[in-house]
Amino acid sequence: MVTATSIKLDEDMKGRVQHLAEARRRSSHWIMREAIAQYVEREEKREALKQDAMQAWEGYQQTGLHLSVDEADSWLARLEAGEDADLPPCHD
């Protein structure tokens, strides 16, 4: 279901959106919807990363298990090189 909503923009922003819409041969409506969709997707990913980091921190505080920077860097370098490298075991 799609519902209408309104957005209040100052004249400068409205003009910028209109100019971009003309340059892209799109409607101002399309530009604003696309901008909102991209913003929401980016912020959802940022929030998920934050939640993952908080869970990892809580896990570390409870267990003390971790990888060193060198261990993590080595593992990531192997993945980047295309190797099918398993995550090294965590230790305290």
N, C-alpha and C. Protein backbone atom coordinates (compact mmCIF):
# COMPACT_ATOMS: atom_id res chain seq x y z
N MET A 1 0.85 -1.17 0.00
CA MET A 1 0.00 0.00 0.00
C MET A 1 0.89 1.24 0.00
N VAL A 2 0.60 2.16 -0.86
CA VAL A 2 1.35 3.40 -0.95
C VAL A 2 0.45 4.53 -0.45
N THR A 3 0.99 5.34 0.44
CA THR A 3 0.24 6.48 0.93
C THR A 3 1.01 7.76 0.65
N ALA A 4 0.29 8.82 0.49
CA ALA A 4 0.90 10.12 0.22
C ALA A 4 1.37 10.76 1.52
N THR A 5 2.44 11.50 1.43
CA THR A 5 2.94 12.28 2.56
C THR A 5 3.49 13.58 1.99
N SER A 6 3.74 14.52 2.84
CA SER A 6 4.29 15.77 2.35
C SER A 6 5.62 16.04 3.02
N ILE A 7 6.47 16.74 2.30
CA ILE A 7 7.78 17.12 2.82
C ILE A 7 7.92 18.62 2.61
N LYS A 8 8.28 19.31 3.66
CA LYS A 8 8.49 20.75 3.55
C LYS A 8 9.97 21.01 3.25
N LEU A 9 10.22 21.64 2.12
CA LEU A 9 11.58 21.99 1.71
C LEU A 9 11.69 23.49 1.57
N ASP A 10 12.86 24.03 1.93
CA ASP A 10 13.05 25.45 1.66
C ASP A 10 13.24 25.63 0.15
N GLU A 11 13.15 26.85 -0.30
CA GLU A 11 13.19 27.12 -1.74
C GLU A 11 14.50 26.66 -2.37
N ASP A 12 15.60 26.83 -1.67
CA ASP A 12 16.89 26.41 -2.21
C ASP A 12 16.91 24.91 -2.47
N MET A 13 16.49 24.11 -1.48
CA MET A 13 16.50 22.66 -1.64
C MET A 13 15.52 22.23 -2.72
N LYS A 14 14.38 22.85 -2.75
CA LYS A 14 13.39 22.53 -3.76
C LYS A 14 13.96 22.77 -5.16
N GLY A 15 14.65 23.89 -5.32
CA GLY A 15 15.27 24.21 -6.60
C GLY A 15 16.36 23.21 -6.97
N ARG A 16 17.14 22.80 -5.98
CA ARG A 16 18.20 21.82 -6.23
C ARG A 16 17.62 20.48 -6.68
N VAL A 17 16.55 20.06 -6.02
CA VAL A 17 15.89 18.80 -6.39
C VAL A 17 15.33 18.91 -7.81
N GLN A 18 14.68 20.02 -8.10
CA GLN A 18 14.11 20.21 -9.44
C GLN A 18 15.21 20.22 -10.51
N HIS A 19 16.31 20.89 -10.22
CA HIS A 19 17.42 20.95 -11.18
C HIS A 19 17.97 19.54 -11.43
N LEU A 20 18.16 18.79 -10.38
CA LEU A 20 18.67 17.42 -10.51
C LEU A 20 17.67 16.54 -11.26
N ALA A 21 16.41 16.72 -10.98
CA ALA A 21 15.37 15.94 -11.67
C ALA A 21 15.40 16.22 -13.17
N GLU A 22 15.54 17.47 -13.53
CA GLU A 22 15.62 17.83 -14.95
C GLU A 22 16.86 17.22 -15.59
N ALA A 23 17.99 17.30 -14.89
CA ALA A 23 19.23 16.76 -15.43
C ALA A 23 19.15 15.24 -15.60
N ARG A 24 18.44 14.57 -14.74
CA ARG A 24 18.32 13.11 -14.79
C ARG A 24 17.10 12.65 -15.60
N ARG A 25 16.33 13.62 -16.06
CA ARG A 25 15.09 13.33 -16.80
C ARG A 25 14.16 12.44 -15.97
N ARG A 26 14.04 12.83 -14.72
CA ARG A 26 13.15 12.17 -13.76
C ARG A 26 12.28 13.24 -13.13
N SER A 27 11.28 12.79 -12.40
CA SER A 27 10.44 13.75 -11.67
C SER A 27 11.09 14.09 -10.34
N SER A 28 10.72 15.23 -9.78
CA SER A 28 11.18 15.58 -8.45
C SER A 28 10.74 14.53 -7.45
N HIS A 29 9.54 14.02 -7.63
CA HIS A 29 9.01 12.97 -6.77
C HIS A 29 9.93 11.75 -6.79
N TRP A 30 10.38 11.32 -7.96
CA TRP A 30 11.26 10.16 -8.08
C TRP A 30 12.58 10.42 -7.36
N ILE A 31 13.15 11.61 -7.55
CA ILE A 31 14.41 11.97 -6.91
C ILE A 31 14.27 11.89 -5.39
N MET A 32 13.20 12.44 -4.85
CA MET A 32 13.02 12.44 -3.39
C MET A 32 12.79 11.03 -2.86
N ARG A 33 11.99 10.23 -3.57
CA ARG A 33 11.77 8.84 -3.14
C ARG A 33 13.07 8.05 -3.15
N GLU A 34 13.86 8.24 -4.21
CA GLU A 34 15.13 7.53 -4.32
C GLU A 34 16.08 7.97 -3.21
N ALA A 35 16.13 9.26 -2.92
CA ALA A 35 17.00 9.77 -1.86
C ALA A 35 16.60 9.19 -0.51
N ILE A 36 15.33 9.15 -0.24
CA ILE A 36 14.85 8.60 1.04
C ILE A 36 15.14 7.12 1.12
N ALA A 37 14.90 6.39 0.04
CA ALA A 37 15.17 4.94 0.03
C ALA A 37 16.64 4.66 0.29
N GLN A 38 17.53 5.40 -0.36
CA GLN A 38 18.97 5.19 -0.16
C GLN A 38 19.39 5.55 1.26
N TYR A 39 18.84 6.62 1.79
CA TYR A 39 19.15 7.03 3.16
C TYR A 39 18.72 5.96 4.16
N VAL A 40 17.50 5.48 4.01
CA VAL A 40 16.97 4.48 4.94
C VAL A 40 17.79 3.20 4.86
N GLU A 41 18.13 2.75 3.65
CA GLU A 41 18.94 1.54 3.51
C GLU A 41 20.31 1.71 4.17
N ARG A 42 20.95 2.86 3.94
CA ARG A 42 22.26 3.12 4.54
C ARG A 42 22.18 3.15 6.06
N GLU A 43 21.16 3.80 6.59
CA GLU A 43 21.02 3.91 8.04
C GLU A 43 20.64 2.58 8.67
N GLU A 44 19.87 1.75 7.98
CA GLU A 44 19.56 0.41 8.49
C GLU A 44 20.83 -0.42 8.58
N LYS A 45 21.70 -0.33 7.56
CA LYS A 45 22.97 -1.06 7.59
C LYS A 45 23.85 -0.54 8.72
N ARG A 46 23.87 0.77 8.91
CA ARG A 46 24.67 1.36 9.98
C ARG A 46 24.17 0.88 11.34
N GLU A 47 22.86 0.83 11.52
CA GLU A 47 22.29 0.37 12.78
C GLU A 47 22.58 -1.11 13.01
N ALA A 48 22.50 -1.92 11.94
CA ALA A 48 22.81 -3.35 12.07
C ALA A 48 24.28 -3.54 12.47
N LEU A 49 25.18 -2.75 11.88
CA LEU A 49 26.60 -2.84 12.24
C LEU A 49 26.80 -2.44 13.70
N LYS A 50 26.10 -1.41 14.13
CA LYS A 50 26.20 -0.98 15.53
C LYS A 50 25.72 -2.08 16.47
N GLN A 51 24.60 -2.71 16.13
CA GLN A 51 24.07 -3.79 16.97
C GLN A 51 25.03 -4.98 16.99
N ASP A 52 25.61 -5.32 15.83
CA ASP A 52 26.60 -6.41 15.79
C ASP A 52 27.80 -6.09 16.66
N ALA A 53 28.27 -4.86 16.59
CA ALA A 53 29.42 -4.44 17.41
C ALA A 53 29.10 -4.52 18.89
N MET A 54 27.90 -4.10 19.26
CA MET A 54 27.50 -4.16 20.67
C MET A 54 27.43 -5.61 21.16
N GLN A 55 26.90 -6.51 20.32
CA GLN A 55 26.84 -7.92 20.69
C GLN A 55 28.23 -8.51 20.81
N ALA A 56 29.13 -8.13 19.91
CA ALA A 56 30.51 -8.62 19.97
C ALA A 56 31.19 -8.12 21.24
N TRP A 57 30.97 -6.87 21.58
CA TRP A 57 31.56 -6.29 22.79
C TRP A 57 31.05 -7.00 24.04
N GLU A 58 29.73 -7.25 24.07
CA GLU A 58 29.16 -7.96 25.21
C GLU A 58 29.73 -9.38 25.31
N GLY A 59 29.89 -10.04 24.16
CA GLY A 59 30.48 -11.38 24.16
C GLY A 59 31.91 -11.36 24.66
N TYR A 60 32.67 -10.37 24.24
CA TYR A 60 34.05 -10.25 24.71
C TYR A 60 34.10 -10.00 26.21
N GLN A 61 33.22 -9.12 26.70
CA GLN A 61 33.20 -8.83 28.13
C GLN A 61 32.87 -10.07 28.95
N GLN A 62 32.00 -10.93 28.42
CA GLN A 62 31.60 -12.13 29.15
C GLN A 62 32.65 -13.23 29.09
N THR A 63 33.32 -13.37 27.95
CA THR A 63 34.21 -14.52 27.75
C THR A 63 35.69 -14.16 27.67
N GLY A 64 35.99 -12.96 27.22
CA GLY A 64 37.39 -12.56 27.00
C GLY A 64 37.97 -13.12 25.72
N LEU A 65 37.18 -13.89 24.98
CA LEU A 65 37.67 -14.47 23.73
C LEU A 65 37.80 -13.39 22.66
N HIS A 66 38.90 -13.47 21.89
CA HIS A 66 39.17 -12.44 20.89
C HIS A 66 40.19 -12.95 19.87
N LEU A 67 40.41 -12.14 18.83
CA LEU A 67 41.50 -12.32 17.88
C LEU A 67 42.39 -11.10 18.01
N SER A 68 43.67 -11.27 17.75
CA SER A 68 44.56 -10.11 17.72
C SER A 68 44.38 -9.39 16.38
N VAL A 69 44.86 -8.19 16.29
CA VAL A 69 44.79 -7.43 15.04
C VAL A 69 45.54 -8.18 13.95
N ASP A 70 46.71 -8.72 14.27
CA ASP A 70 47.49 -9.46 13.28
C ASP A 70 46.74 -10.69 12.78
N GLU A 71 46.08 -11.41 13.68
CA GLU A 71 45.31 -12.59 13.28
C GLU A 71 44.16 -12.20 12.36
N ALA A 72 43.45 -11.16 12.73
CA ALA A 72 42.33 -10.71 11.91
C ALA A 72 42.81 -10.20 10.56
N ASP A 73 43.89 -9.41 10.55
CA ASP A 73 44.43 -8.89 9.29
C ASP A 73 44.87 -10.02 8.36
N SER A 74 45.53 -11.02 8.92
CA SER A 74 45.99 -12.15 8.13
C SER A 74 44.81 -12.90 7.51
N TRP A 75 43.79 -13.14 8.30
CA TRP A 75 42.58 -13.82 7.82
C TRP A 75 41.90 -13.01 6.72
N LEU A 76 41.75 -11.71 6.94
CA LEU A 76 41.11 -10.85 5.94
C LEU A 76 41.94 -10.78 4.65
N ALA A 77 43.26 -10.77 4.77
CA ALA A 77 44.12 -10.75 3.58
C ALA A 77 43.94 -12.02 2.76
N ARG A 78 43.80 -13.15 3.43
CA ARG A 78 43.58 -14.41 2.71
C ARG A 78 42.23 -14.39 2.00
N LEU A 79 41.20 -13.88 2.66
CA LEU A 79 39.89 -13.78 2.02
C LEU A 79 39.95 -12.85 0.82
N GLU A 80 40.63 -11.73 0.98
CA GLU A 80 40.76 -10.76 -0.11
C GLU A 80 41.50 -11.37 -1.30
N ALA A 81 42.46 -12.26 -1.03
CA ALA A 81 43.21 -12.93 -2.09
C ALA A 81 42.41 -14.04 -2.76
N GLY A 82 41.20 -14.27 -2.27
CA GLY A 82 40.34 -15.28 -2.89
C GLY A 82 40.42 -16.65 -2.26
N GLU A 83 41.17 -16.78 -1.19
CA GLU A 83 41.26 -18.07 -0.50
C GLU A 83 39.97 -18.33 0.27
N ASP A 84 39.67 -19.59 0.47
CA ASP A 84 38.52 -20.02 1.26
C ASP A 84 39.02 -20.24 2.69
N ALA A 85 39.34 -19.15 3.39
CA ALA A 85 39.98 -19.23 4.69
C ALA A 85 38.94 -19.23 5.81
N ASP A 86 39.09 -20.18 6.72
CA ASP A 86 38.22 -20.23 7.91
C ASP A 86 38.66 -19.17 8.91
N LEU A 87 37.72 -18.67 9.66
CA LEU A 87 38.00 -17.72 10.73
C LEU A 87 38.88 -18.42 11.77
N PRO A 88 39.99 -17.80 12.16
CA PRO A 88 40.83 -18.42 13.18
C PRO A 88 40.06 -18.56 14.50
N PRO A 89 40.42 -19.54 15.31
CA PRO A 89 39.72 -19.69 16.60
C PRO A 89 40.05 -18.53 17.53
N CYS A 90 39.05 -18.11 18.26
CA CYS A 90 39.24 -17.04 19.25
C CYS A 90 39.96 -17.62 20.48
N HIS A 91 40.65 -16.77 21.19
CA HIS A 91 41.36 -17.20 22.39
C HIS A 91 41.29 -16.09 23.43
N ASP A 92 41.70 -16.39 24.67
CA ASP A 92 41.69 -15.36 25.70
C ASP A 92 43.08 -14.93 26.02
